Amino acid sequence: MTRPESEQFDAPHPIRTKRQSCKTKSSQDLSQLGEEFRTHCERDNICLPDEDLPVGPQRDRFKELHSSRAKKYTAYLTQLSLCYGRL
């Protein structure tokens, strides 16, 4: 039995649901990391280019955060590609 086109989009699709939950989880992880970075940035007033920071713990933490963001973003893109298949 073929449904009218307007009803086809109302039916649940397991693949679509999996993709959406996968994307939502990845987006939340990335947002949480972004929030941590903004909080750290505002709190320590270190939203400066790397070379403008004095050598020391602030610069080290700044570099750690950037590295962590890059890894999270890479993981996010990997997760999305797993959700959606080959891009």
C-alpha atoms as a PDB file:
ATOM      1  CA  MET A   1       0.000   0.000   0.000  1.00  0.00           C
ATOM      2  CA  THR A   2       1.410   3.337  -1.034  1.00  0.00           C
ATOM      3  CA  ARG A   3       0.757   6.329   1.160  1.00  0.00           C
ATOM      4  CA  PRO A   4       0.095   9.810  -0.147  1.00  0.00           C
ATOM      5  CA  GLU A   5       3.252  11.888  -0.243  1.00  0.00           C
ATOM      6  CA  SER A   6       2.022  14.171   2.544  1.00  0.00           C
ATOM      7  CA  GLU A   7       1.807  11.191   4.935  1.00  0.00           C
ATOM      8  CA  GLN A   8       5.187   9.705   4.048  1.00  0.00           C
ATOM      9  CA  PHE A   9       7.018  12.385   5.993  1.00  0.00           C
ATOM     10  CA  ASP A  10       4.894  11.799   9.091  1.00  0.00           C
ATOM     11  CA  ALA A  11       5.943   8.167   9.454  1.00  0.00           C
ATOM     12  CA  PRO A  12       8.931   7.557  11.750  1.00  0.00           C
ATOM     13  CA  HIS A  13      12.093   6.540   9.953  1.00  0.00           C
ATOM     14  CA  PRO A  14      14.689   4.709  12.087  1.00  0.00           C
ATOM     15  CA  ILE A  15      17.630   5.997  10.040  1.00  0.00           C
ATOM     16  CA  ARG A  16      16.447   9.599  10.279  1.00  0.00           C
ATOM     17  CA  THR A  17      15.863   9.239  14.022  1.00  0.00           C
ATOM     18  CA  LYS A  18      19.336   7.737  14.526  1.00  0.00           C
ATOM     19  CA  ARG A  19      20.959  10.495  12.504  1.00  0.00           C
ATOM     20  CA  GLN A  20      19.138  13.196  14.418  1.00  0.00           C
ATOM     21  CA  SER A  21      19.981  11.788  17.860  1.00  0.00           C
ATOM     22  CA  CYS A  22      23.586  11.279  16.768  1.00  0.00           C
ATOM     23  CA  LYS A  23      23.840  14.845  15.467  1.00  0.00           C
ATOM     24  CA  THR A  24      22.174  16.255  18.577  1.00  0.00           C
ATOM     25  CA  LYS A  25      24.615  14.459  20.910  1.00  0.00           C
ATOM     26  CA  SER A  26      27.629  15.624  18.905  1.00  0.00           C
ATOM     27  CA  SER A  27      26.329  19.190  18.770  1.00  0.00           C
ATOM     28  CA  GLN A  28      25.752  19.231  22.525  1.00  0.00           C
ATOM     29  CA  ASP A  29      29.302  18.005  23.191  1.00  0.00           C
ATOM     30  CA  LEU A  30      30.721  20.672  20.909  1.00  0.00           C
ATOM     31  CA  SER A  31      28.541  23.392  22.461  1.00  0.00           C
ATOM     32  CA  GLN A  32      29.637  22.384  25.949  1.00  0.00           C
ATOM     33  CA  LEU A  33      33.275  22.708  24.961  1.00  0.00           C
ATOM     34  CA  GLY A  34      32.584  26.092  23.339  1.00  0.00           C
ATOM     35  CA  GLU A  35      30.871  27.278  26.519  1.00  0.00           C
ATOM     36  CA  GLU A  36      33.839  26.150  28.622  1.00  0.00           C
ATOM     37  CA  PHE A  37      36.172  28.039  26.314  1.00  0.00           C
ATOM     38  CA  ARG A  38      34.084  31.239  26.434  1.00  0.00           C
ATOM     39  CA  THR A  39      33.828  31.051  30.224  1.00  0.00           C
ATOM     40  CA  HIS A  40      37.574  30.521  30.543  1.00  0.00           C
ATOM     41  CA  CYS A  41      38.227  33.277  28.050  1.00  0.00           C
ATOM     42  CA  GLU A  42      36.040  35.828  29.811  1.00  0.00           C
ATOM     43  CA  ARG A  43      37.138  34.810  33.290  1.00  0.00           C
ATOM     44  CA  ASP A  44      40.860  34.999  32.609  1.00  0.00           C
ATOM     45  CA  ASN A  45      40.595  37.742  29.994  1.00  0.00           C
ATOM     46  CA  ILE A  46      42.785  35.804  27.584  1.00  0.00           C
ATOM     47  CA  CYS A  47      40.858  36.069  24.332  1.00  0.00           C
ATOM     48  CA  LEU A  48      44.025  37.156  22.601  1.00  0.00           C
ATOM     49  CA  PRO A  49      46.127  35.726  19.837  1.00  0.00           C
ATOM     50  CA  ASP A  50      48.602  33.175  21.132  1.00  0.00           C
ATOM     51  CA  GLU A  51      51.621  35.424  20.606  1.00  0.00           C
ATOM     52  CA  ASP A  52      50.086  38.209  22.741  1.00  0.00           C
ATOM     53  CA  LEU A  53      49.969  36.028  25.850  1.00  0.00           C
ATOM     54  CA  PRO A  54      52.917  36.011  28.228  1.00  0.00           C
ATOM     55  CA  VAL A  55      54.637  32.672  28.640  1.00  0.00           C
ATOM     56  CA  GLY A  56      53.180  30.850  31.623  1.00  0.00           C
ATOM     57  CA  PRO A  57      50.158  28.967  32.905  1.00  0.00           C
ATOM     58  CA  GLN A  58      47.592  31.162  31.094  1.00  0.00           C
ATOM     59  CA  ARG A  59      49.224  30.559  27.737  1.00  0.00           C
ATOM     60  CA  ASP A  60      49.525  26.836  28.456  1.00  0.00           C
ATOM     61  CA  ARG A  61      45.834  26.595  29.389  1.00  0.00           C
ATOM     62  CA  PHE A  62      44.895  28.593  26.296  1.00  0.00           C
ATOM     63  CA  LYS A  63      46.838  26.172  24.105  1.00  0.00           C
ATOM     64  CA  GLU A  64      45.239  23.192  25.884  1.00  0.00           C
ATOM     65  CA  LEU A  65      41.779  24.595  25.237  1.00  0.00           C
ATOM     66  CA  HIS A  66      42.512  25.199  21.569  1.00  0.00           C
ATOM     67  CA  SER A  67      43.874  21.690  21.211  1.00  0.00           C
ATOM     68  CA  SER A  68      40.848  20.266  22.992  1.00  0.00           C
ATOM     69  CA  ARG A  69      38.484  22.242  20.749  1.00  0.00           C
ATOM     70  CA  ALA A  70      40.244  20.997  17.628  1.00  0.00           C
ATOM     71  CA  LYS A  71      40.022  17.385  18.809  1.00  0.00           C
ATOM     72  CA  LYS A  72      36.346  17.761  19.757  1.00  0.00           C
ATOM     73  CA  TYR A  73      35.527  19.336  16.421  1.00  0.00           C
ATOM     74  CA  THR A  74      37.307  16.541  14.585  1.00  0.00           C
ATOM     75  CA  ALA A  75      35.407  13.993  16.688  1.00  0.00           C
ATOM     76  CA  TYR A  76      32.174  15.861  15.911  1.00  0.00           C
ATOM     77  CA  LEU A  77      32.804  15.705  12.166  1.00  0.00           C
ATOM     78  CA  THR A  78      33.745  12.033  12.438  1.00  0.00           C
ATOM     79  CA  GLN A  79      30.557  11.315  14.373  1.00  0.00           C
ATOM     80  CA  LEU A  80      28.480  13.139  11.778  1.00  0.00           C
ATOM     81  CA  SER A  81      30.086  11.168   8.974  1.00  0.00           C
ATOM     82  CA  LEU A  82      29.296   7.949  10.858  1.00  0.00           C
ATOM     83  CA  CYS A  83      25.703   9.111  11.344  1.00  0.00           C
ATOM     84  CA  TYR A  84      25.192  10.048   7.727  1.00  0.00           C
ATOM     85  CA  GLY A  85      27.421   7.475   6.104  1.00  0.00           C
ATOM     86  CA  ARG A  86      30.035   8.445   3.584  1.00  0.00           C
ATOM     87  CA  LEU A  87      29.919  12.120   2.727  1.00  0.00           C
END
